[in-house]
Amino acid sequence: MDNAVITESYRCVRYFCTTGSGLEPLLVEEGKRKLLAIDVEFIPGRVFFTTDAAMESISQLKSAERLFLLLHRSPPIRAPVNQAKAASVVQQSIVGDSEVWKGALCTWSRLRARLTDVKTTRKRKREEGQDEEEDKHTETQPSHPRDTQSGVSEPQTDSEQPKTTFRVSCRSSGVVAKRFSPQDLSRLIGSAITKQLNWRADLKEPELEVNVYLSDDYCVVGILLSSHPLAKRSYIKHTGLRSTVAWAMTSVSNMKCALCALKEGAVIIDPMCGVGTILLEAAQECPNACFFGLDSDVGQLQKAAENVEYAQLTDRVQLLQASAMGIPLPSGSVDVVICDVPFGRKFSCGSSMAAALPEIVEEMERVLRVGGSLVLLLSLQLSTLLKKKILKDALPCPATTGVGSPASDTLLSSETDTCVTHTHSENAQLSDGLTLRPFCSLHTHSIHKVSLGNTDAVIHTYTKTHGH
């Protein structure tokens, strides 16, 4: 059972973060690298870790959605058949030792105060240039009524202290979900907390939120540290692609399971940039790179321009109106092409995205330098098209197909080091006279499925191995 809120070191705290499906390995590596986290492990949608890192560093995790203080993680609840007894077991299993909750409340208050300081500092920096008195007022006003009482004042007796207000947010699956609805579970757990801890339920404006996750495999209980999601970026004005997925596409090269190795000084383009979310995430990770955003939609470019200005990146990100099927850059001039391909919407040429995809990828391949990376976020349908339909009609690639090796074995045997070709364009001729189809220079690096909330998508990454 994992119920250590604070370890032997006073500053070392046990947390967990929620994240989108498919991003758990990224968050594990990010926590180890940025926070020097220990005891890092994950279950679907949640990553657990222990660290003594400052709250400022923890709040900057890019692949996390929300941050929680872990109360305990235990095996699944085995509720009796009798409904009344089952309710009692659920209550006891969730609440357990009241002393653990009292200690967690003190730790939560301390961390909340530090998190408030971080937010205040960031807000003050962003509002630099405004009236100094306004900045001072912002700094001295706590964002939470309990922040001024978070462990720094003299202890009060139980009768003098105001009751802690709370609400319970519960998600369940499996057997427990069949026995109790989320609302029933929240009421059961809330009643036990009120009785054993003397806290007061408040569904509208609680001081803290208790998060409970029950399944056939796990029982996880934590306290939300901030109502402001980590995934909500302070430098983005207009939201587009989910920021955690955008960051995953542009994650730095020294992360073991990075999906795209962006290096310092690289030229990076997004030929269908939309509001510029991917470019902004990439710019945060690569401070010395040069970025170009293209889009055929003037409205999207206007929002992208506002985002770039809001993020104070106008000197590093250039935007222009252009089609992804006619990128106005020389061949072999780009280090990384990265793109969230629209999901089945009509493209500017009037054809569907499925029909336009081969020509779009061919143009991306053209501008990419040898050794450069192509990163695409695709719908499940477009991913299947790129992996199978385009590959199915492909000719052998001279660079990778051995003498006597069937092309289909080379092309479809695995998702690693796959030679991607198609027959939608004219053949290119190599110096030795061999025929080279477009896409033949693109070799698959990884194919990674991720969740966008209401749908799934797939990140394809390729490396250009040679020129035509």
Protein backbone atom coordinates (compact mmCIF):
# COMPACT_ATOMS: atom_id res chain seq x y z
CA MET A 1 0.00 0.00 0.00
CA ASP A 2 1.39 3.39 -1.05
CA ASN A 3 0.28 5.93 1.55
CA ALA A 4 3.41 7.96 2.32
CA VAL A 5 2.45 11.59 1.82
CA ILE A 6 5.81 12.69 3.21
CA THR A 7 8.87 10.45 3.38
CA GLU A 8 11.66 10.56 5.96
CA SER A 9 12.88 13.79 4.42
CA TYR A 10 10.41 16.53 5.33
CA ARG A 11 10.65 18.07 1.90
CA CYS A 12 10.20 14.83 -0.05
CA VAL A 13 6.53 14.46 -1.02
CA ARG A 14 4.58 11.76 -2.86
CA TYR A 15 2.51 13.12 -5.75
CA PHE A 16 0.60 11.85 -8.73
CA CYS A 17 -0.37 13.51 -11.99
CA THR A 18 -3.07 12.68 -14.47
CA THR A 19 -2.18 12.57 -18.15
CA GLY A 20 -3.66 11.50 -21.44
CA SER A 21 -3.59 7.90 -22.56
CA GLY A 22 -0.30 7.13 -24.29
CA LEU A 23 1.61 9.96 -22.61
CA GLU A 24 2.41 8.09 -19.36
CA PRO A 25 5.93 7.02 -20.46
CA LEU A 26 6.72 10.59 -21.46
CA LEU A 27 5.62 11.90 -18.07
CA VAL A 28 7.68 9.22 -16.30
CA GLU A 29 10.83 10.29 -18.13
CA GLU A 30 10.05 14.00 -17.75
CA GLY A 31 9.62 13.60 -13.98
CA LYS A 32 12.90 11.74 -13.65
CA ARG A 33 14.77 14.26 -15.79
CA LYS A 34 13.32 17.54 -14.55
CA LEU A 35 12.48 16.71 -10.92
CA LEU A 36 15.00 13.94 -10.18
CA ALA A 37 11.92 12.02 -9.08
CA ILE A 38 12.24 8.61 -7.46
CA ASP A 39 9.83 5.68 -7.06
CA VAL A 40 8.26 6.65 -10.38
CA GLU A 41 5.56 4.32 -11.65
CA PHE A 42 2.34 4.58 -13.59
CA ILE A 43 -1.06 3.10 -14.21
CA PRO A 44 -3.25 4.09 -17.16
CA GLY A 45 -3.81 7.84 -16.98
CA ARG A 46 -1.81 8.40 -13.75
CA VAL A 47 1.87 8.72 -12.89
CA PHE A 48 3.11 8.47 -9.28
CA PHE A 49 6.42 9.93 -8.10
CA THR A 50 8.32 11.19 -5.05
CA THR A 51 10.41 14.34 -5.17
CA ASP A 52 11.74 17.21 -3.09
CA ALA A 53 11.72 19.53 -6.11
CA ALA A 54 10.39 23.06 -5.73
CA MET A 55 6.75 23.62 -6.57
CA GLU A 56 7.82 25.94 -9.39
CA SER A 57 9.57 23.04 -11.12
CA ILE A 58 6.72 20.60 -10.53
CA SER A 59 4.17 23.04 -11.91
CA GLN A 60 6.14 23.22 -15.17
CA LEU A 61 5.66 19.58 -16.11
CA LYS A 62 4.59 19.66 -19.74
CA SER A 63 3.06 16.22 -20.21
CA ALA A 64 0.86 16.34 -17.08
CA GLU A 65 -2.77 17.43 -16.94
CA ARG A 66 -3.42 17.89 -13.19
CA LEU A 67 -1.31 17.61 -10.02
CA PHE A 68 -2.39 15.84 -6.81
CA LEU A 69 -0.98 15.13 -3.38
CA LEU A 70 -1.21 11.37 -2.93
CA LEU A 71 -2.97 10.17 0.23
CA HIS A 72 -2.82 6.49 -0.57
CA ARG A 73 -2.80 3.95 -3.35
CA SER A 74 -3.93 0.46 -2.42
CA PRO A 75 -5.24 -2.76 -3.95
CA PRO A 76 -8.84 -2.74 -5.22
CA ILE A 77 -11.71 -2.70 -2.75
CA ARG A 78 -13.40 -6.09 -2.32
CA ALA A 79 -16.90 -5.10 -1.32
CA PRO A 80 -19.30 -7.65 0.24
CA VAL A 81 -22.47 -8.63 -1.59
CA ASN A 82 -24.62 -6.92 1.06
CA GLN A 83 -25.07 -3.31 -0.08
CA ALA A 84 -24.97 -1.79 3.42
CA LYS A 85 -21.81 -3.71 4.32
CA ALA A 86 -20.29 -2.82 0.96
CA ALA A 87 -20.90 0.89 1.64
CA SER A 88 -19.18 0.57 5.00
CA VAL A 89 -16.17 -1.16 3.45
CA VAL A 90 -15.86 1.56 0.82
CA GLN A 91 -15.95 4.28 3.46
CA GLN A 92 -13.37 2.60 5.67
CA SER A 93 -11.08 1.77 2.74
CA ILE A 94 -11.07 5.32 1.44
CA VAL A 95 -10.86 7.32 4.66
CA GLY A 96 -8.92 4.91 6.87
CA ASP A 97 -6.60 6.55 9.43
CA SER A 98 -7.69 10.12 10.26
CA GLU A 99 -4.11 11.02 11.29
CA VAL A 100 -2.95 10.44 7.72
CA TRP A 101 -5.56 12.93 6.53
CA LYS A 102 -4.55 15.52 9.14
CA GLY A 103 -0.93 15.25 8.08
CA ALA A 104 -1.93 15.46 4.43
CA LEU A 105 -3.93 18.62 5.10
CA CYS A 106 -0.87 20.33 6.61
CA THR A 107 1.28 19.27 3.65
CA TRP A 108 -1.39 20.35 1.18
CA SER A 109 -1.66 23.79 2.82
CA ARG A 110 2.12 24.28 2.66
CA LEU A 111 2.29 23.23 -1.00
CA ARG A 112 -0.70 25.37 -1.92
CA ALA A 113 0.97 28.42 -0.41
CA ARG A 114 4.11 27.77 -2.45
CA LEU A 115 2.08 27.20 -5.60
CA THR A 116 0.30 30.49 -5.02
CA ASP A 117 3.68 32.23 -4.75
CA VAL A 118 4.73 30.67 -8.07
CA LYS A 119 1.55 31.86 -9.79
CA THR A 120 1.96 35.35 -8.36
CA THR A 121 5.55 35.59 -9.54
CA ARG A 122 4.64 34.45 -13.05
CA LYS A 123 1.75 36.88 -13.22
CA ARG A 124 3.98 39.72 -12.05
CA LYS A 125 6.58 38.93 -14.71
CA ARG A 126 3.93 38.78 -17.43
CA GLU A 127 2.50 42.10 -16.31
CA GLU A 128 5.93 43.73 -16.26
CA GLY A 129 5.58 47.30 -17.34
CA GLN A 130 2.24 47.84 -15.58
CA ASP A 131 1.90 50.10 -12.58
CA GLU A 132 4.14 48.92 -9.71
CA GLU A 133 1.40 49.41 -7.17
CA GLU A 134 -0.88 47.08 -9.09
CA ASP A 135 1.87 44.44 -9.09
CA LYS A 136 2.33 44.81 -5.34
CA HIS A 137 -1.39 44.45 -4.77
CA THR A 138 -1.44 41.29 -6.89
CA GLU A 139 1.49 39.85 -4.96
CA THR A 140 0.03 40.40 -1.51
CA GLN A 141 -3.44 39.05 -2.21
CA PRO A 142 -3.68 35.28 -1.60
CA SER A 143 -5.71 33.38 -4.19
CA HIS A 144 -7.14 31.05 -1.56
CA PRO A 145 -8.64 31.86 1.81
CA ARG A 146 -6.58 29.23 3.63
CA ASP A 147 -3.21 30.23 2.16
CA THR A 148 -2.58 32.68 4.99
CA GLN A 149 -3.21 29.88 7.48
CA SER A 150 -1.10 27.19 5.79
CA GLY A 151 1.07 26.08 8.68
CA VAL A 152 2.89 29.37 9.41
CA SER A 153 0.62 30.72 12.14
CA GLU A 154 0.30 29.54 15.71
CA PRO A 155 -1.67 26.28 16.03
CA GLN A 156 -5.28 26.62 17.05
CA THR A 157 -7.46 24.29 19.03
CA ASP A 158 -10.06 22.24 17.20
CA SER A 159 -12.83 24.47 18.52
CA GLU A 160 -11.07 27.64 17.26
CA GLN A 161 -10.24 26.37 13.78
CA PRO A 162 -12.81 26.84 11.02
CA LYS A 163 -13.95 23.57 9.49
CA THR A 164 -12.15 22.55 6.32
CA THR A 165 -14.54 22.57 3.38
CA PHE A 166 -14.27 19.91 0.69
CA ARG A 167 -15.95 18.03 -2.09
CA VAL A 168 -15.32 14.55 -3.48
CA SER A 169 -14.70 13.81 -7.15
CA CYS A 170 -14.98 10.10 -7.85
CA ARG A 171 -14.34 7.98 -10.94
CA SER A 172 -14.88 4.25 -11.00
CA SER A 173 -14.86 1.28 -13.31
CA GLY A 174 -15.34 -2.48 -13.07
CA VAL A 175 -17.23 -4.19 -10.25
CA VAL A 176 -17.46 -1.11 -8.00
CA ALA A 177 -18.96 0.93 -10.83
CA LYS A 178 -21.69 -1.69 -11.23
CA ARG A 179 -22.55 -1.53 -7.54
CA PHE A 180 -22.36 2.24 -7.02
CA SER A 181 -22.72 5.24 -9.31
CA PRO A 182 -20.04 7.98 -9.08
CA GLN A 183 -22.58 10.18 -7.30
CA ASP A 184 -23.36 7.46 -4.75
CA LEU A 185 -19.66 6.89 -4.11
CA SER A 186 -19.04 10.62 -3.67
CA ARG A 187 -21.87 10.82 -1.11
CA LEU A 188 -20.64 7.76 0.78
CA ILE A 189 -17.06 8.98 0.94
CA GLY A 190 -18.11 12.54 1.74
CA SER A 191 -20.24 11.34 4.62
CA ALA A 192 -17.34 9.36 6.07
CA ILE A 193 -14.96 12.32 5.76
CA THR A 194 -17.44 14.62 7.49
CA LYS A 195 -17.97 12.14 10.34
CA GLN A 196 -14.36 11.10 10.95
CA LEU A 197 -12.48 14.32 10.12
CA ASN A 198 -15.07 16.92 11.06
CA TRP A 199 -14.75 18.57 7.65
CA ARG A 200 -17.71 20.29 5.99
CA ALA A 201 -18.93 19.39 2.51
CA ASP A 202 -19.22 22.30 0.06
CA LEU A 203 -19.98 21.42 -3.55
CA LYS A 204 -19.75 24.97 -4.94
CA GLU A 205 -16.65 26.60 -3.44
CA PRO A 206 -14.69 24.03 -1.42
CA GLU A 207 -11.22 24.69 -0.10
CA LEU A 208 -10.00 21.35 -1.35
CA GLU A 209 -11.09 18.57 -3.67
CA VAL A 210 -10.62 14.92 -2.76
CA ASN A 211 -10.04 12.81 -5.86
CA VAL A 212 -10.90 9.08 -5.73
CA TYR A 213 -10.28 6.52 -8.47
CA LEU A 214 -11.61 3.00 -8.03
CA SER A 215 -11.22 0.08 -10.42
CA ASP A 216 -10.77 -3.68 -10.39
CA ASP A 217 -7.02 -3.09 -10.14
CA TYR A 218 -6.46 0.05 -8.04
CA CYS A 219 -7.76 2.34 -5.34
CA VAL A 220 -6.19 5.80 -5.54
CA VAL A 221 -6.99 8.74 -3.24
CA GLY A 222 -5.45 12.19 -3.53
CA ILE A 223 -6.05 15.89 -2.95
CA LEU A 224 -6.01 18.27 -5.93
CA LEU A 225 -3.24 20.86 -5.51
CA SER A 226 -4.51 23.39 -8.03
CA SER A 227 -7.77 23.94 -9.82
CA HIS A 228 -5.66 25.45 -12.61
CA PRO A 229 -4.57 22.52 -14.85
CA LEU A 230 -0.86 22.19 -15.54
CA ALA A 231 -1.83 21.64 -19.16
CA LYS A 232 -3.31 25.15 -19.37
CA ARG A 233 -0.32 27.14 -20.60
CA SER A 234 0.21 30.68 -19.38
CA TYR A 235 1.85 31.62 -22.70
CA ILE A 236 -1.04 30.54 -24.97
CA LYS A 237 -3.95 32.90 -25.59
CA HIS A 238 -5.96 30.87 -28.13
CA THR A 239 -6.02 27.13 -27.54
CA GLY A 240 -5.84 24.60 -30.34
CA LEU A 241 -4.33 21.13 -30.15
CA ARG A 242 -4.16 19.72 -26.61
CA SER A 243 -0.96 21.23 -25.20
CA THR A 244 0.35 17.98 -23.71
CA VAL A 245 0.18 16.26 -27.10
CA ALA A 246 1.75 19.28 -28.84
CA TRP A 247 4.60 19.14 -26.32
CA ALA A 248 5.01 15.39 -26.86
CA MET A 249 5.49 16.04 -30.58
CA THR A 250 8.22 18.58 -29.86
CA SER A 251 9.87 17.02 -26.81
CA VAL A 252 13.59 17.52 -26.37
CA SER A 253 16.26 15.17 -27.66
CA ASN A 254 17.67 14.06 -24.31
CA MET A 255 14.40 12.39 -23.26
CA LYS A 256 14.72 8.65 -23.76
CA CYS A 257 11.28 8.16 -25.29
CA ALA A 258 11.07 11.56 -27.02
CA LEU A 259 8.93 11.55 -30.13
CA CYS A 260 10.94 14.21 -31.90
CA ALA A 261 14.56 15.27 -31.34
CA LEU A 262 14.61 19.04 -31.78
CA LYS A 263 18.16 20.37 -31.67
CA GLU A 264 19.49 23.86 -30.97
CA GLY A 265 19.69 26.07 -34.07
CA ALA A 266 17.26 23.91 -36.05
CA VAL A 267 14.88 25.26 -38.68
CA ILE A 268 11.42 23.97 -37.79
CA ILE A 269 8.22 24.43 -39.78
CA ASP A 270 4.57 23.60 -39.26
CA PRO A 271 2.93 23.72 -42.72
CA MET A 272 -0.61 23.61 -41.26
CA CYS A 273 0.01 25.53 -38.05
CA GLY A 274 -3.56 26.58 -37.16
CA VAL A 275 -3.34 28.81 -34.07
CA GLY A 276 0.31 27.85 -33.59
CA THR A 277 0.10 25.59 -30.53
CA ILE A 278 2.82 23.20 -31.71
CA LEU A 279 5.16 26.04 -32.64
CA LEU A 280 4.75 27.64 -29.21
CA GLU A 281 5.49 24.37 -27.42
CA ALA A 282 8.54 23.77 -29.61
CA ALA A 283 9.79 27.30 -28.99
CA GLN A 284 9.63 26.77 -25.23
CA GLU A 285 11.89 23.71 -25.54
CA CYS A 286 14.28 25.03 -28.21
CA PRO A 287 15.15 28.65 -27.36
CA ASN A 288 17.67 29.04 -30.21
CA ALA A 289 15.71 27.44 -33.04
CA CYS A 290 14.01 29.27 -35.92
CA PHE A 291 10.31 28.60 -36.55
CA PHE A 292 8.01 29.04 -39.55
CA GLY A 293 4.25 28.59 -39.42
CA LEU A 294 2.18 28.22 -42.57
CA ASP A 295 -1.56 28.03 -43.05
CA SER A 296 -3.99 28.75 -45.87
CA ASP A 297 -6.66 30.07 -43.46
CA VAL A 298 -6.30 33.79 -42.74
CA GLY A 299 -8.43 33.53 -39.60
CA GLN A 300 -6.23 30.83 -38.14
CA LEU A 301 -3.10 32.82 -38.97
CA GLN A 302 -4.54 35.86 -37.20
CA LYS A 303 -5.04 33.83 -34.02
CA ALA A 304 -1.57 32.33 -34.44
CA ALA A 305 -0.10 35.82 -34.70
CA GLU A 306 -1.87 36.85 -31.50
CA ASN A 307 -0.54 33.72 -29.78
CA VAL A 308 3.00 34.43 -30.93
CA GLU A 309 2.78 38.01 -29.70
CA TYR A 310 1.23 36.93 -26.39
CA ALA A 311 4.06 34.44 -25.87
CA GLN A 312 6.61 37.16 -26.75
CA LEU A 313 8.07 35.10 -29.58
CA THR A 314 7.70 37.49 -32.52
CA ASP A 315 11.47 37.53 -33.06
CA ARG A 316 11.64 33.74 -33.41
CA VAL A 317 8.40 32.64 -35.06
CA GLN A 318 7.45 33.80 -38.56
CA LEU A 319 4.00 33.22 -40.04
CA LEU A 320 2.86 33.30 -43.65
CA GLN A 321 -0.16 32.32 -45.68
CA ALA A 322 0.66 29.35 -47.88
CA SER A 323 -0.57 25.88 -48.80
CA ALA A 324 1.02 22.74 -47.37
CA MET A 325 1.04 21.38 -50.92
CA GLY A 326 3.28 24.23 -52.06
CA ILE A 327 5.66 25.12 -49.21
CA PRO A 328 7.61 28.26 -50.27
CA LEU A 329 10.99 26.98 -49.05
CA PRO A 330 13.93 25.43 -50.92
CA SER A 331 14.39 21.68 -51.03
CA GLY A 332 16.44 20.27 -48.16
CA SER A 333 16.31 23.49 -46.14
CA VAL A 334 14.36 22.34 -43.06
CA ASP A 335 15.53 20.33 -40.05
CA VAL A 336 12.11 19.36 -38.72
CA VAL A 337 8.64 19.34 -40.26
CA ILE A 338 5.98 18.91 -37.61
CA CYS A 339 2.26 19.00 -38.27
CA ASP A 340 -1.16 18.24 -36.80
CA VAL A 341 -2.90 17.06 -39.96
CA PRO A 342 -6.60 18.08 -39.97
CA PHE A 343 -8.87 15.14 -39.18
CA GLY A 344 -10.98 14.49 -42.27
CA ARG A 345 -11.86 18.11 -42.93
CA LYS A 346 -11.91 19.64 -46.40
CA PHE A 347 -8.51 20.87 -47.45
CA SER A 348 -7.85 24.15 -49.27
CA CYS A 349 -7.63 22.37 -52.64
CA GLY A 350 -11.24 21.23 -52.28
CA SER A 351 -10.42 17.53 -51.97
CA SER A 352 -10.59 15.47 -48.81
CA MET A 353 -7.58 15.16 -46.56
CA ALA A 354 -7.31 11.45 -47.34
CA ALA A 355 -6.96 12.26 -51.04
CA ALA A 356 -4.54 15.13 -50.44
CA LEU A 357 -2.31 13.37 -47.88
CA PRO A 358 0.14 11.74 -50.34
CA GLU A 359 0.90 15.05 -52.06
CA ILE A 360 1.19 16.85 -48.72
CA VAL A 361 3.68 14.34 -47.32
CA GLU A 362 5.65 14.41 -50.56
CA GLU A 363 6.01 18.18 -50.26
CA MET A 364 7.10 17.86 -46.63
CA GLU A 365 9.68 15.29 -47.69
CA ARG A 366 11.00 17.68 -50.36
CA VAL A 367 11.82 20.55 -48.00
CA LEU A 368 13.28 18.25 -45.32
CA ARG A 369 17.07 17.92 -45.22
CA VAL A 370 18.76 14.55 -45.12
CA GLY A 371 18.83 13.47 -41.47
CA GLY A 372 15.85 15.68 -40.67
CA SER A 373 12.67 14.57 -38.90
CA LEU A 374 9.04 14.50 -39.98
CA VAL A 375 6.43 14.35 -37.21
CA LEU A 376 2.74 13.96 -38.04
CA LEU A 377 -0.30 13.77 -35.80
CA LEU A 378 -2.92 11.79 -37.69
CA SER A 379 -6.42 10.52 -37.13
CA LEU A 380 -6.76 6.75 -36.88
CA GLN A 381 -8.11 6.71 -40.43
CA LEU A 382 -5.26 8.77 -41.88
CA SER A 383 -2.74 6.77 -39.88
CA THR A 384 -4.06 3.56 -41.42
CA LEU A 385 -3.90 5.16 -44.85
CA LEU A 386 -0.30 6.20 -44.41
CA LYS A 387 0.75 2.83 -42.99
CA LYS A 388 -1.20 0.52 -45.31
CA LYS A 389 -2.95 2.01 -48.29
CA ILE A 390 0.01 4.06 -49.45
CA LEU A 391 2.43 1.25 -48.61
CA LYS A 392 0.32 -1.41 -50.31
CA ASP A 393 0.89 -0.03 -53.80
CA ALA A 394 4.51 0.91 -53.19
CA LEU A 395 7.46 -0.22 -55.28
CA PRO A 396 10.66 -1.64 -53.74
CA CYS A 397 13.03 0.94 -52.32
CA PRO A 398 16.61 0.36 -53.59
CA ALA A 399 18.13 1.83 -50.45
CA THR A 400 16.71 -0.84 -48.12
CA THR A 401 15.38 -3.78 -50.14
CA GLY A 402 17.92 -6.58 -50.45
CA VAL A 403 18.41 -8.70 -53.56
CA GLY A 404 15.55 -11.12 -53.86
CA SER A 405 13.65 -9.63 -50.89
CA PRO A 406 9.92 -9.14 -51.51
CA ALA A 407 8.97 -5.48 -51.34
CA SER A 408 5.93 -6.25 -49.20
CA ASP A 409 8.12 -7.94 -46.56
CA THR A 410 10.36 -4.89 -46.42
CA LEU A 411 7.53 -2.40 -46.30
CA LEU A 412 5.07 -4.02 -43.93
CA SER A 413 7.10 -6.29 -41.66
CA SER A 414 7.36 -3.83 -38.75
CA GLU A 415 6.76 -0.29 -37.59
CA THR A 416 10.47 0.38 -37.23
CA ASP A 417 12.87 1.23 -40.09
CA THR A 418 10.05 0.93 -42.59
CA CYS A 419 10.65 2.29 -46.07
CA VAL A 420 7.61 4.31 -47.10
CA THR A 421 6.87 4.77 -50.80
CA HIS A 422 3.91 5.46 -53.05
CA THR A 423 3.00 5.60 -56.73
CA HIS A 424 1.04 8.86 -56.85
CA SER A 425 3.83 10.91 -58.45
CA GLU A 426 6.42 10.53 -61.14
CA ASN A 427 9.51 8.48 -60.38
CA ALA A 428 12.74 10.15 -59.38
CA GLN A 429 16.01 8.85 -60.84
CA LEU A 430 19.08 8.07 -58.73
CA SER A 431 22.57 8.61 -60.11
CA ASP A 432 22.96 4.85 -60.64
CA GLY A 433 19.80 4.70 -62.73
CA LEU A 434 17.64 2.98 -60.11
CA THR A 435 14.07 4.17 -59.77
CA LEU A 436 13.25 5.96 -56.49
CA ARG A 437 9.66 6.73 -55.61
CA PRO A 438 8.68 9.69 -53.41
CA PHE A 439 8.56 8.79 -49.67
CA CYS A 440 11.36 6.28 -50.27
CA SER A 441 13.75 8.44 -48.27
CA LEU A 442 11.44 8.45 -45.22
CA HIS A 443 12.08 5.73 -42.66
CA THR A 444 9.74 5.20 -39.74
CA HIS A 445 11.18 6.04 -36.34
CA SER A 446 8.08 5.44 -34.22
CA ILE A 447 4.30 5.20 -34.30
CA HIS A 448 2.66 6.22 -31.04
CA LYS A 449 -1.04 6.27 -30.17
CA VAL A 450 -2.28 9.08 -27.92
CA SER A 451 -5.61 10.33 -26.61
CA LEU A 452 -7.09 13.70 -27.53
CA GLY A 453 -9.92 13.34 -25.02
CA ASN A 454 -12.95 12.56 -27.14
CA THR A 455 -10.94 10.71 -29.78
CA ASP A 456 -7.61 8.99 -30.33
CA ALA A 457 -4.81 9.96 -32.69
CA VAL A 458 -1.46 8.59 -33.79
CA ILE A 459 1.92 10.33 -33.87
CA HIS A 460 4.08 9.17 -36.75
CA THR A 461 7.77 10.13 -36.76
CA TYR A 462 10.08 9.64 -39.73
CA THR A 463 13.72 10.34 -40.55
CA LYS A 464 14.86 11.35 -44.03
CA THR A 465 17.78 9.07 -44.87
CA HIS A 466 18.83 10.34 -48.31
CA GLY A 467 17.93 12.80 -51.03
CA HIS A 468 16.53 12.14 -54.49
